[in-house]
Amino acid sequence: MTDDARRVFDFEALDRNTAGDRELRLEVVRMFLEDCPVRLEAIRTAVRDGDLARLRSNAHALRGAAGFLSATFVVDATAQLEAIGREGRLGEAVAGLDKLDAAVAQLIPELRKIE
């Protein structure tokens, strides 16, 4: 696996995080696949409404889940959105959301391969 592929999703790291338990790994992936669209919509709504607290909290939650999966691109994008929310830089939120959408678009097909 290349470094870029690992930044999208590092299967070996997820395997370590779930202690090699296949069922747990599948459950974690399924939970992410269910929760991710909900969090993305909440982030979009927060950006549209200028709700910095909701932006920050949903980006934080999605970052934690992506971190457990070792999905570095999503982690980076959500960390940026979390900082935008924390620092009140709403003018940068749309670009941050675009970055997150692109990262998620790369991640989801990779997760579906192991689902």
PDB file of N, CA and C in Angstrom:
ATOM      1  N   MET A   1       0.851  -1.181   0.000  1.00  0.00           N
ATOM      2  CA  MET A   1       0.000   0.000   0.000  1.00  0.00           C
ATOM      3  C   MET A   1       0.896   1.243   0.000  1.00  0.00           C
ATOM      4  N   THR A   2       0.596   2.178  -0.891  1.00  0.00           N
ATOM      5  CA  THR A   2       1.398   3.398  -0.968  1.00  0.00           C
ATOM      6  C   THR A   2       1.068   4.326   0.185  1.00  0.00           C
ATOM      7  N   ASP A   3       1.943   5.312   0.407  1.00  0.00           N
ATOM      8  CA  ASP A   3       1.690   6.292   1.463  1.00  0.00           C
ATOM      9  C   ASP A   3       0.408   7.071   1.202  1.00  0.00           C
ATOM     10  N   ASP A   4       0.152   7.436  -0.063  1.00  0.00           N
ATOM     11  CA  ASP A   4      -1.086   8.151  -0.383  1.00  0.00           C
ATOM     12  C   ASP A   4      -2.308   7.292  -0.085  1.00  0.00           C
ATOM     13  N   ALA A   5      -2.245   6.006  -0.422  1.00  0.00           N
ATOM     14  CA  ALA A   5      -3.367   5.111  -0.130  1.00  0.00           C
ATOM     15  C   ALA A   5      -3.589   5.022   1.371  1.00  0.00           C
ATOM     16  N   ARG A   6      -2.521   4.968   2.158  1.00  0.00           N
ATOM     17  CA  ARG A   6      -2.650   4.921   3.614  1.00  0.00           C
ATOM     18  C   ARG A   6      -3.257   6.205   4.172  1.00  0.00           C
ATOM     19  N   ARG A   7      -3.006   7.316   3.510  1.00  0.00           N
ATOM     20  CA  ARG A   7      -3.587   8.572   3.980  1.00  0.00           C
ATOM     21  C   ARG A   7      -5.089   8.592   3.741  1.00  0.00           C
ATOM     22  N   VAL A   8      -5.541   7.882   2.702  1.00  0.00           N
ATOM     23  CA  VAL A   8      -6.982   7.754   2.480  1.00  0.00           C
ATOM     24  C   VAL A   8      -7.555   6.854   3.566  1.00  0.00           C
ATOM     25  N   PHE A   9      -6.917   5.704   3.773  1.00  0.00           N
ATOM     26  CA  PHE A   9      -7.401   4.728   4.746  1.00  0.00           C
ATOM     27  C   PHE A   9      -6.313   3.688   4.961  1.00  0.00           C
ATOM     28  N   ASP A  10      -5.882   3.507   6.186  1.00  0.00           N
ATOM     29  CA  ASP A  10      -4.825   2.557   6.506  1.00  0.00           C
ATOM     30  C   ASP A  10      -5.441   1.317   7.152  1.00  0.00           C
ATOM     31  N   PHE A  11      -5.648   0.289   6.334  1.00  0.00           N
ATOM     32  CA  PHE A  11      -6.272  -0.935   6.816  1.00  0.00           C
ATOM     33  C   PHE A  11      -5.475  -1.559   7.954  1.00  0.00           C
ATOM     34  N   GLU A  12      -4.160  -1.568   7.822  1.00  0.00           N
ATOM     35  CA  GLU A  12      -3.324  -2.187   8.856  1.00  0.00           C
ATOM     36  C   GLU A  12      -3.497  -1.472  10.201  1.00  0.00           C
ATOM     37  N   ALA A  13      -3.608  -0.153  10.169  1.00  0.00           N
ATOM     38  CA  ALA A  13      -3.813   0.593  11.415  1.00  0.00           C
ATOM     39  C   ALA A  13      -5.186   0.282  12.008  1.00  0.00           C
ATOM     40  N   LEU A  14      -6.208   0.198  11.167  1.00  0.00           N
ATOM     41  CA  LEU A  14      -7.532  -0.170  11.668  1.00  0.00           C
ATOM     42  C   LEU A  14      -7.506  -1.568  12.257  1.00  0.00           C
ATOM     43  N   ASP A  15      -6.807  -2.466  11.607  1.00  0.00           N
ATOM     44  CA  ASP A  15      -6.686  -3.829  12.125  1.00  0.00           C
ATOM     45  C   ASP A  15      -6.047  -3.827  13.508  1.00  0.00           C
ATOM     46  N   ARG A  16      -5.015  -3.009  13.680  1.00  0.00           N
ATOM     47  CA  ARG A  16      -4.393  -2.882  15.013  1.00  0.00           C
ATOM     48  C   ARG A  16      -5.373  -2.262  16.009  1.00  0.00           C
ATOM     49  N   ASN A  17      -6.102  -1.227  15.585  1.00  0.00           N
ATOM     50  CA  ASN A  17      -7.048  -0.544  16.486  1.00  0.00           C
ATOM     51  C   ASN A  17      -8.179  -1.459  16.940  1.00  0.00           C
ATOM     52  N   THR A  18      -8.482  -2.463  16.136  1.00  0.00           N
ATOM     53  CA  THR A  18      -9.545  -3.404  16.503  1.00  0.00           C
ATOM     54  C   THR A  18      -8.981  -4.751  16.942  1.00  0.00           C
ATOM     55  N   ALA A  19      -7.699  -4.776  17.251  1.00  0.00           N
ATOM     56  CA  ALA A  19      -7.011  -5.970  17.754  1.00  0.00           C
ATOM     57  C   ALA A  19      -7.227  -7.174  16.844  1.00  0.00           C
ATOM     58  N   GLY A  20      -7.318  -6.920  15.532  1.00  0.00           N
ATOM     59  CA  GLY A  20      -7.476  -8.004  14.576  1.00  0.00           C
ATOM     60  C   GLY A  20      -8.847  -8.652  14.571  1.00  0.00           C
ATOM     61  N   ASP A  21      -9.791  -8.089  15.305  1.00  0.00           N
ATOM     62  CA  ASP A  21     -11.141  -8.650  15.400  1.00  0.00           C
ATOM     63  C   ASP A  21     -11.944  -8.238  14.159  1.00  0.00           C
ATOM     64  N   ARG A  22     -12.173  -9.190  13.264  1.00  0.00           N
ATOM     65  CA  ARG A  22     -12.847  -8.907  11.995  1.00  0.00           C
ATOM     66  C   ARG A  22     -14.244  -8.342  12.212  1.00  0.00           C
ATOM     67  N   GLU A  23     -15.007  -8.931  13.123  1.00  0.00           N
ATOM     68  CA  GLU A  23     -16.378  -8.456  13.376  1.00  0.00           C
ATOM     69  C   GLU A  23     -16.386  -7.031  13.918  1.00  0.00           C
ATOM     70  N   LEU A  24     -15.474  -6.738  14.817  1.00  0.00           N
ATOM     71  CA  LEU A  24     -15.380  -5.381  15.356  1.00  0.00           C
ATOM     72  C   LEU A  24     -14.986  -4.402  14.258  1.00  0.00           C
ATOM     73  N   ARG A  25     -14.038  -4.818  13.431  1.00  0.00           N
ATOM     74  CA  ARG A  25     -13.609  -3.963  12.318  1.00  0.00           C
ATOM     75  C   ARG A  25     -14.800  -3.649  11.407  1.00  0.00           C
ATOM     76  N   LEU A  26     -15.573  -4.672  11.048  1.00  0.00           N
ATOM     77  CA  LEU A  26     -16.750  -4.462  10.197  1.00  0.00           C
ATOM     78  C   LEU A  26     -17.776  -3.557  10.871  1.00  0.00           C
ATOM     79  N   GLU A  27     -17.972  -3.742  12.161  1.00  0.00           N
ATOM     80  CA  GLU A  27     -18.924  -2.904  12.902  1.00  0.00           C
ATOM     81  C   GLU A  27     -18.476  -1.444  12.900  1.00  0.00           C
ATOM     82  N   VAL A  28     -17.194  -1.202  13.123  1.00  0.00           N
ATOM     83  CA  VAL A  28     -16.654   0.159  13.128  1.00  0.00           C
ATOM     84  C   VAL A  28     -16.835   0.800  11.752  1.00  0.00           C
ATOM     85  N   VAL A  29     -16.546   0.049  10.701  1.00  0.00           N
ATOM     86  CA  VAL A  29     -16.696   0.572   9.340  1.00  0.00           C
ATOM     87  C   VAL A  29     -18.163   0.886   9.063  1.00  0.00           C
ATOM     88  N   ARG A  30     -19.044  -0.021   9.405  1.00  0.00           N
ATOM     89  CA  ARG A  30     -20.480   0.212   9.170  1.00  0.00           C
ATOM     90  C   ARG A  30     -20.981   1.426   9.943  1.00  0.00           C
ATOM     91  N   MET A  31     -20.550   1.554  11.181  1.00  0.00           N
ATOM     92  CA  MET A  31     -20.965   2.712  11.980  1.00  0.00           C
ATOM     93  C   MET A  31     -20.489   4.005  11.331  1.00  0.00           C
ATOM     94  N   PHE A  32     -19.253   4.010  10.834  1.00  0.00           N
ATOM     95  CA  PHE A  32     -18.734   5.204  10.168  1.00  0.00           C
ATOM     96  C   PHE A  32     -19.556   5.504   8.919  1.00  0.00           C
ATOM     97  N   LEU A  33     -19.833   4.485   8.121  1.00  0.00           N
ATOM     98  CA  LEU A  33     -20.592   4.682   6.889  1.00  0.00           C
ATOM     99  C   LEU A  33     -21.999   5.211   7.158  1.00  0.00           C
ATOM    100  N   GLU A  34     -22.575   4.848   8.294  1.00  0.00           N
ATOM    101  CA  GLU A  34     -23.895   5.364   8.676  1.00  0.00           C
ATOM    102  C   GLU A  34     -23.809   6.782   9.224  1.00  0.00           C
ATOM    103  N   ASP A  35     -22.806   7.033  10.038  1.00  0.00           N
ATOM    104  CA  ASP A  35     -22.697   8.322  10.732  1.00  0.00           C
ATOM    105  C   ASP A  35     -22.122   9.427   9.859  1.00  0.00           C
ATOM    106  N   CYS A  36     -21.234   9.084   8.966  1.00  0.00           N
ATOM    107  CA  CYS A  36     -20.544  10.090   8.161  1.00  0.00           C
ATOM    108  C   CYS A  36     -21.506  10.997   7.385  1.00  0.00           C
ATOM    109  N   PRO A  37     -22.500  10.463   6.666  1.00  0.00           N
ATOM    110  CA  PRO A  37     -23.415  11.351   5.943  1.00  0.00           C
ATOM    111  C   PRO A  37     -24.203  12.276   6.864  1.00  0.00           C
ATOM    112  N   VAL A  38     -24.535  11.784   8.037  1.00  0.00           N
ATOM    113  CA  VAL A  38     -25.266  12.605   9.015  1.00  0.00           C
ATOM    114  C   VAL A  38     -24.381  13.753   9.482  1.00  0.00           C
ATOM    115  N   ARG A  39     -23.136  13.450   9.802  1.00  0.00           N
ATOM    116  CA  ARG A  39     -22.191  14.492  10.238  1.00  0.00           C
ATOM    117  C   ARG A  39     -21.900  15.486   9.121  1.00  0.00           C
ATOM    118  N   LEU A  40     -21.739  14.975   7.898  1.00  0.00           N
ATOM    119  CA  LEU A  40     -21.484  15.878   6.769  1.00  0.00           C
ATOM    120  C   LEU A  40     -22.644  16.853   6.575  1.00  0.00           C
ATOM    121  N   GLU A  41     -23.854  16.345   6.673  1.00  0.00           N
ATOM    122  CA  GLU A  41     -25.023  17.223   6.513  1.00  0.00           C
ATOM    123  C   GLU A  41     -25.071  18.250   7.641  1.00  0.00           C
ATOM    124  N   ALA A  42     -24.761  17.830   8.854  1.00  0.00           N
ATOM    125  CA  ALA A  42     -24.749  18.772   9.981  1.00  0.00           C
ATOM    126  C   ALA A  42     -23.671  19.837   9.776  1.00  0.00           C
ATOM    127  N   ILE A  43     -22.533  19.446   9.222  1.00  0.00           N
ATOM    128  CA  ILE A  43     -21.456  20.403   8.943  1.00  0.00           C
ATOM    129  C   ILE A  43     -21.900  21.372   7.852  1.00  0.00           C
ATOM    130  N   ARG A  44     -22.513  20.848   6.798  1.00  0.00           N
ATOM    131  CA  ARG A  44     -23.014  21.723   5.717  1.00  0.00           C
ATOM    132  C   ARG A  44     -24.023  22.733   6.251  1.00  0.00           C
ATOM    133  N   THR A  45     -24.939  22.247   7.077  1.00  0.00           N
ATOM    134  CA  THR A  45     -25.958  23.132   7.661  1.00  0.00           C
ATOM    135  C   THR A  45     -25.316  24.182   8.549  1.00  0.00           C
ATOM    136  N   ALA A  46     -24.342  23.776   9.331  1.00  0.00           N
ATOM    137  CA  ALA A  46     -23.645  24.717  10.205  1.00  0.00           C
ATOM    138  C   ALA A  46     -22.932  25.793   9.398  1.00  0.00           C
ATOM    139  N   VAL A  47     -22.291  25.398   8.309  1.00  0.00           N
ATOM    140  CA  VAL A  47     -21.609  26.376   7.447  1.00  0.00           C
ATOM    141  C   VAL A  47     -22.642  27.326   6.847  1.00  0.00           C
ATOM    142  N   ARG A  48     -23.717  26.773   6.314  1.00  0.00           N
ATOM    143  CA  ARG A  48     -24.768  27.596   5.698  1.00  0.00           C
ATOM    144  C   ARG A  48     -25.368  28.584   6.707  1.00  0.00           C
ATOM    145  N   ASP A  49     -25.591  28.111   7.942  1.00  0.00           N
ATOM    146  CA  ASP A  49     -26.219  28.939   8.976  1.00  0.00           C
ATOM    147  C   ASP A  49     -25.235  29.800   9.747  1.00  0.00           C
ATOM    148  N   GLY A  50     -23.944  29.611   9.508  1.00  0.00           N
ATOM    149  CA  GLY A  50     -22.937  30.353  10.259  1.00  0.00           C
ATOM    150  C   GLY A  50     -22.865  29.941  11.721  1.00  0.00           C
ATOM    151  N   ASP A  51     -23.211  28.696  12.002  1.00  0.00           N
ATOM    152  CA  ASP A  51     -23.225  28.177  13.371  1.00  0.00           C
ATOM    153  C   ASP A  51     -21.861  27.559  13.689  1.00  0.00           C
ATOM    154  N   LEU A  52     -20.985  28.374  14.233  1.00  0.00           N
ATOM    155  CA  LEU A  52     -19.606  27.948  14.482  1.00  0.00           C
ATOM    156  C   LEU A  52     -19.505  26.837  15.519  1.00  0.00           C
ATOM    157  N   ALA A  53     -20.355  26.879  16.531  1.00  0.00           N
ATOM    158  CA  ALA A  53     -20.311  25.839  17.568  1.00  0.00           C
ATOM    159  C   ALA A  53     -20.710  24.481  16.996  1.00  0.00           C
ATOM    160  N   ARG A  54     -21.746  24.455  16.177  1.00  0.00           N
ATOM    161  CA  ARG A  54     -22.184  23.200  15.565  1.00  0.00           C
ATOM    162  C   ARG A  54     -21.148  22.715  14.548  1.00  0.00           C
ATOM    163  N   LEU A  55     -20.549  23.625  13.827  1.00  0.00           N
ATOM    164  CA  LEU A  55     -19.476  23.264  12.900  1.00  0.00           C
ATOM    165  C   LEU A  55     -18.345  22.589  13.658  1.00  0.00           C
ATOM    166  N   ARG A  56     -17.921  23.229  14.717  1.00  0.00           N
ATOM    167  CA  ARG A  56     -16.801  22.712  15.514  1.00  0.00           C
ATOM    168  C   ARG A  56     -17.140  21.335  16.105  1.00  0.00           C
ATOM    169  N   SER A  57     -18.312  21.178  16.695  1.00  0.00           N
ATOM    170  CA  SER A  57     -18.637  19.918  17.363  1.00  0.00           C
ATOM    171  C   SER A  57     -18.813  18.758  16.385  1.00  0.00           C
ATOM    172  N   ASN A  58     -19.434  19.007  15.243  1.00  0.00           N
ATOM    173  CA  ASN A  58     -19.601  17.928  14.267  1.00  0.00           C
ATOM    174  C   ASN A  58     -18.297  17.584  13.573  1.00  0.00           C
ATOM    175  N   ALA A  59     -17.478  18.569  13.293  1.00  0.00           N
ATOM    176  CA  ALA A  59     -16.162  18.297  12.715  1.00  0.00           C
ATOM    177  C   ALA A  59     -15.324  17.489  13.701  1.00  0.00           C
ATOM    178  N   HIS A  60     -15.410  17.828  14.972  1.00  0.00           N
ATOM    179  CA  HIS A  60     -14.667  17.110  16.008  1.00  0.00           C
ATOM    180  C   HIS A  60     -15.107  15.642  16.079  1.00  0.00           C
ATOM    181  N   ALA A  61     -16.410  15.417  16.061  1.00  0.00           N
ATOM    182  CA  ALA A  61     -16.923  14.046  16.138  1.00  0.00           C
ATOM    183  C   ALA A  61     -16.496  13.224  14.922  1.00  0.00           C
ATOM    184  N   LEU A  62     -16.591  13.808  13.741  1.00  0.00           N
ATOM    185  CA  LEU A  62     -16.198  13.094  12.534  1.00  0.00           C
ATOM    186  C   LEU A  62     -14.692  12.859  12.513  1.00  0.00           C
ATOM    187  N   ARG A  63     -13.935  13.804  13.030  1.00  0.00           N
ATOM    188  CA  ARG A  63     -12.474  13.640  13.097  1.00  0.00           C
ATOM    189  C   ARG A  63     -12.101  12.452  13.979  1.00  0.00           C
ATOM    190  N   GLY A  64     -12.783  12.310  15.105  1.00  0.00           N
ATOM    191  CA  GLY A  64     -12.497  11.183  15.995  1.00  0.00           C
ATOM    192  C   GLY A  64     -12.758   9.837  15.341  1.00  0.00           C
ATOM    193  N   ALA A  65     -13.881   9.743  14.650  1.00  0.00           N
ATOM    194  CA  ALA A  65     -14.221   8.493  13.969  1.00  0.00           C
ATOM    195  C   ALA A  65     -13.223   8.208  12.850  1.00  0.00           C
ATOM    196  N   ALA A  66     -12.869   9.227  12.081  1.00  0.00           N
ATOM    197  CA  ALA A  66     -11.908   9.055  10.987  1.00  0.00           C
ATOM    198  C   ALA A  66     -10.531   8.702  11.537  1.00  0.00           C
ATOM    199  N   GLY A  67     -10.191   9.242  12.681  1.00  0.00           N
ATOM    200  CA  GLY A  67      -8.908   8.926  13.301  1.00  0.00           C
ATOM    201  C   GLY A  67      -8.810   7.468  13.684  1.00  0.00           C
ATOM    202  N   PHE A  68      -9.897   6.910  14.193  1.00  0.00           N
ATOM    203  CA  PHE A  68      -9.897   5.490  14.550  1.00  0.00           C
ATOM    204  C   PHE A  68      -9.690   4.629  13.309  1.00  0.00           C
ATOM    205  N   LEU A  69     -10.191   5.102  12.169  1.00  0.00           N
ATOM    206  CA  LEU A  69     -10.007   4.390  10.904  1.00  0.00           C
ATOM    207  C   LEU A  69      -8.643   4.658  10.280  1.00  0.00           C
ATOM    208  N   SER A  70      -7.916   5.610  10.813  1.00  0.00           N
ATOM    209  CA  SER A  70      -6.642   6.058  10.241  1.00  0.00           C
ATOM    210  C   SER A  70      -6.842   6.602   8.833  1.00  0.00           C
ATOM    211  N   ALA A  71      -7.885   7.423   8.694  1.00  0.00           N
ATOM    212  CA  ALA A  71      -8.209   8.076   7.426  1.00  0.00           C
ATOM    213  C   ALA A  71      -7.661   9.502   7.489  1.00  0.00           C
ATOM    214  N   THR A  72      -6.395   9.634   7.171  1.00  0.00           N
ATOM    215  CA  THR A  72      -5.664  10.876   7.400  1.00  0.00           C
ATOM    216  C   THR A  72      -6.234  12.071   6.645  1.00  0.00           C
ATOM    217  N   PHE A  73      -6.657  11.875   5.378  1.00  0.00           N
ATOM    218  CA  PHE A  73      -7.200  13.006   4.619  1.00  0.00           C
ATOM    219  C   PHE A  73      -8.451  13.566   5.297  1.00  0.00           C
ATOM    220  N   VAL A  74      -9.323  12.678   5.774  1.00  0.00           N
ATOM    221  CA  VAL A  74     -10.542  13.126   6.461  1.00  0.00           C
ATOM    222  C   VAL A  74     -10.180  13.761   7.793  1.00  0.00           C
ATOM    223  N   VAL A  75      -9.232  13.173   8.500  1.00  0.00           N
ATOM    224  CA  VAL A  75      -8.788  13.752   9.773  1.00  0.00           C
ATOM    225  C   VAL A  75      -8.260  15.169   9.548  1.00  0.00           C
ATOM    226  N   ASP A  76      -7.434  15.358   8.539  1.00  0.00           N
ATOM    227  CA  ASP A  76      -6.874  16.685   8.252  1.00  0.00           C
ATOM    228  C   ASP A  76      -7.966  17.694   7.920  1.00  0.00           C
ATOM    229  N   ALA A  77      -8.918  17.285   7.078  1.00  0.00           N
ATOM    230  CA  ALA A  77      -9.989  18.201   6.670  1.00  0.00           C
ATOM    231  C   ALA A  77     -10.897  18.567   7.837  1.00  0.00           C
ATOM    232  N   THR A  78     -11.227  17.594   8.683  1.00  0.00           N
ATOM    233  CA  THR A  78     -12.091  17.890   9.825  1.00  0.00           C
ATOM    234  C   THR A  78     -11.359  18.721  10.872  1.00  0.00           C
ATOM    235  N   ALA A  79     -10.067  18.490  11.035  1.00  0.00           N
ATOM    236  CA  ALA A  79      -9.288  19.312  11.967  1.00  0.00           C
ATOM    237  C   ALA A  79      -9.281  20.766  11.512  1.00  0.00           C
ATOM    238  N   GLN A  80      -9.162  20.964  10.200  1.00  0.00           N
ATOM    239  CA  GLN A  80      -9.196  22.325   9.659  1.00  0.00           C
ATOM    240  C   GLN A  80     -10.558  22.972   9.925  1.00  0.00           C
ATOM    241  N   LEU A  81     -11.650  22.225   9.698  1.00  0.00           N
ATOM    242  CA  LEU A  81     -12.987  22.777   9.949  1.00  0.00           C
ATOM    243  C   LEU A  81     -13.214  23.040  11.435  1.00  0.00           C
ATOM    244  N   GLU A  82     -12.701  22.173  12.257  1.00  0.00           N
ATOM    245  CA  GLU A  82     -12.821  22.370  13.706  1.00  0.00           C
ATOM    246  C   GLU A  82     -12.120  23.672  14.109  1.00  0.00           C
ATOM    247  N   ALA A  83     -10.939  23.911  13.567  1.00  0.00           N
ATOM    248  CA  ALA A  83     -10.200  25.144  13.860  1.00  0.00           C
ATOM    249  C   ALA A  83     -10.947  26.360  13.320  1.00  0.00           C
ATOM    250  N   ILE A  84     -11.519  26.242  12.137  1.00  0.00           N
ATOM    251  CA  ILE A  84     -12.300  27.343  11.566  1.00  0.00           C
ATOM    252  C   ILE A  84     -13.454  27.700  12.500  1.00  0.00           C
ATOM    253  N   GLY A  85     -14.141  26.689  13.005  1.00  0.00           N
ATOM    254  CA  GLY A  85     -15.230  26.926  13.939  1.00  0.00           C
ATOM    255  C   GLY A  85     -14.754  27.530  15.252  1.00  0.00           C
ATOM    256  N   ARG A  86     -13.662  27.023  15.751  1.00  0.00           N
ATOM    257  CA  ARG A  86     -13.117  27.502  17.033  1.00  0.00           C
ATOM    258  C   ARG A  86     -12.627  28.944  16.927  1.00  0.00           C
ATOM    259  N   GLU A  87     -12.019  29.277  15.790  1.00  0.00           N
ATOM    260  CA  GLU A  87     -11.405  30.590  15.618  1.00  0.00           C
ATOM    261  C   GLU A  87     -12.319  31.596  14.919  1.00  0.00           C
ATOM    262  N   GLY A  88     -13.533  31.179  14.571  1.00  0.00           N
ATOM    263  CA  GLY A  88     -14.490  32.098  13.975  1.00  0.00           C
ATOM    264  C   GLY A  88     -14.143  32.546  12.566  1.00  0.00           C
ATOM    265  N   ARG A  89     -13.477  31.700  11.802  1.00  0.00           N
ATOM    266  CA  ARG A  89     -13.061  32.051  10.442  1.00  0.00           C
ATOM    267  C   ARG A  89     -14.062  31.510   9.421  1.00  0.00           C
ATOM    268  N   LEU A  90     -15.306  31.924   9.570  1.00  0.00           N
ATOM    269  CA  LEU A  90     -16.382  31.388   8.743  1.00  0.00           C
ATOM    270  C   LEU A  90     -16.126  31.564   7.252  1.00  0.00           C
ATOM    271  N   GLY A  91     -15.424  32.605   6.864  1.00  0.00           N
ATOM    272  CA  GLY A  91     -15.121  32.837   5.462  1.00  0.00           C
ATOM    273  C   GLY A  91     -14.313  31.719   4.817  1.00  0.00           C
ATOM    274  N   GLU A  92     -13.650  30.897   5.622  1.00  0.00           N
ATOM    275  CA  GLU A  92     -12.844  29.783   5.114  1.00  0.00           C
ATOM    276  C   GLU A  92     -13.597  28.457   5.146  1.00  0.00           C
ATOM    277  N   ALA A  93     -14.817  28.486   5.670  1.00  0.00           N
ATOM    278  CA  ALA A  93     -15.546  27.237   5.903  1.00  0.00           C
ATOM    279  C   ALA A  93     -15.940  26.520   4.614  1.00  0.00           C
ATOM    280  N   VAL A  94     -16.324  27.242   3.591  1.00  0.00           N
ATOM    281  CA  VAL A  94     -16.735  26.590   2.347  1.00  0.00           C
ATOM    282  C   VAL A  94     -15.563  25.836   1.721  1.00  0.00           C
ATOM    283  N   ALA A  95     -14.394  26.450   1.695  1.00  0.00           N
ATOM    284  CA  ALA A  95     -13.213  25.770   1.165  1.00  0.00           C
ATOM    285  C   ALA A  95     -12.878  24.545   2.017  1.00  0.00           C
ATOM    286  N   GLY A  96     -13.017  24.669   3.324  1.00  0.00           N
ATOM    287  CA  GLY A  96     -12.772  23.531   4.206  1.00  0.00           C
ATOM    288  C   GLY A  96     -13.764  22.407   3.964  1.00  0.00           C
ATOM    289  N   LEU A  97     -15.008  22.770   3.727  1.00  0.00           N
ATOM    290  CA  LEU A  97     -16.030  21.771   3.439  1.00  0.00           C
ATOM    291  C   LEU A  97     -15.749  21.072   2.114  1.00  0.00           C
ATOM    292  N   ASP A  98     -15.302  21.817   1.122  1.00  0.00           N
ATOM    293  CA  ASP A  98     -14.924  21.212  -0.167  1.00  0.00           C
ATOM    294  C   ASP A  98     -13.805  20.195   0.021  1.00  0.00           C
ATOM    295  N   LYS A  99     -12.825  20.540   0.839  1.00  0.00           N
ATOM    296  CA  LYS A  99     -11.710  19.630   1.125  1.00  0.00           C
ATOM    297  C   LYS A  99     -12.224  18.367   1.813  1.00  0.00           C
ATOM    298  N   LEU A 100     -13.145  18.530   2.755  1.00  0.00           N
ATOM    299  CA  LEU A 100     -13.712  17.381   3.451  1.00  0.00           C
ATOM    300  C   LEU A 100     -14.512  16.507   2.491  1.00  0.00           C
ATOM    301  N   ASP A 101     -15.335  17.119   1.653  1.00  0.00           N
ATOM    302  CA  ASP A 101     -16.113  16.342   0.687  1.00  0.00           C
ATOM    303  C   ASP A 101     -15.201  15.504  -0.211  1.00  0.00           C
ATOM    304  N   ALA A 102     -14.105  16.090  -0.665  1.00  0.00           N
ATOM    305  CA  ALA A 102     -13.165  15.364  -1.529  1.00  0.00           C
ATOM    306  C   ALA A 102     -12.517  14.205  -0.771  1.00  0.00           C
ATOM    307  N   ALA A 103     -12.157  14.435   0.470  1.00  0.00           N
ATOM    308  CA  ALA A 103     -11.531  13.384   1.277  1.00  0.00           C
ATOM    309  C   ALA A 103     -12.501  12.234   1.533  1.00  0.00           C
ATOM    310  N   VAL A 104     -13.737  12.573   1.847  1.00  0.00           N
ATOM    311  CA  VAL A 104     -14.748  11.541   2.095  1.00  0.00           C
ATOM    312  C   VAL A 104     -15.034  10.769   0.804  1.00  0.00           C
ATOM    313  N   ALA A 105     -15.059  11.460  -0.317  1.00  0.00           N
ATOM    314  CA  ALA A 105     -15.300  10.801  -1.605  1.00  0.00           C
ATOM    315  C   ALA A 105     -14.211   9.775  -1.919  1.00  0.00           C
ATOM    316  N   GLN A 106     -13.015   9.989  -1.438  1.00  0.00           N
ATOM    317  CA  GLN A 106     -11.933   9.018  -1.610  1.00  0.00           C
ATOM    318  C   GLN A 106     -12.064   7.871  -0.616  1.00  0.00           C
ATOM    319  N   LEU A 107     -12.494   8.184   0.601  1.00  0.00           N
ATOM    320  CA  LEU A 107     -12.534   7.199   1.678  1.00  0.00           C
ATOM    321  C   LEU A 107     -13.664   6.187   1.528  1.00  0.00           C
ATOM    322  N   ILE A 108     -14.857   6.649   1.217  1.00  0.00           N
ATOM    323  CA  ILE A 108     -16.031   5.771   1.228  1.00  0.00           C
ATOM    324  C   ILE A 108     -15.847   4.537   0.325  1.00  0.00           C
ATOM    325  N   PRO A 109     -15.382   4.693  -0.909  1.00  0.00           N
ATOM    326  CA  PRO A 109     -15.197   3.487  -1.739  1.00  0.00           C
ATOM    327  C   PRO A 109     -14.194   2.492  -1.138  1.00  0.00           C
ATOM    328  N   GLU A 110     -13.175   3.006  -0.478  1.00  0.00           N
ATOM    329  CA  GLU A 110     -12.194   2.122   0.159  1.00  0.00           C
ATOM    330  C   GLU A 110     -12.824   1.348   1.309  1.00  0.00           C
ATOM    331  N   LEU A 111     -13.656   2.014   2.088  1.00  0.00           N
ATOM    332  CA  LEU A 111     -14.331   1.333   3.211  1.00  0.00           C
ATOM    333  C   LEU A 111     -15.329   0.311   2.698  1.00  0.00           C
ATOM    334  N   ARG A 112     -16.003   0.624   1.633  1.00  0.00           N
ATOM    335  CA  ARG A 112     -17.005  -0.306   1.077  1.00  0.00           C
ATOM    336  C   ARG A 112     -16.357  -1.602   0.590  1.00  0.00           C
ATOM    337  N   LYS A 113     -15.089  -1.556   0.251  1.00  0.00           N
ATOM    338  CA  LYS A 113     -14.384  -2.757  -0.187  1.00  0.00           C
ATOM    339  C   LYS A 113     -14.267  -3.790   0.925  1.00  0.00           C
ATOM    340  N   ILE A 114     -14.246  -3.339   2.169  1.00  0.00           N
ATOM    341  CA  ILE A 114     -14.099  -4.292   3.273  1.00  0.00           C
ATOM    342  C   ILE A 114     -15.404  -4.531   4.008  1.00  0.00           C
ATOM    343  N   GLU A 115     -16.443  -3.835   3.616  1.00  0.00           N
ATOM    344  CA  GLU A 115     -17.730  -3.952   4.311  1.00  0.00           C
ATOM    345  C   GLU A 115     -18.335  -5.315   4.111  1.00  0.00           C
TER     346      GLU A 115
END
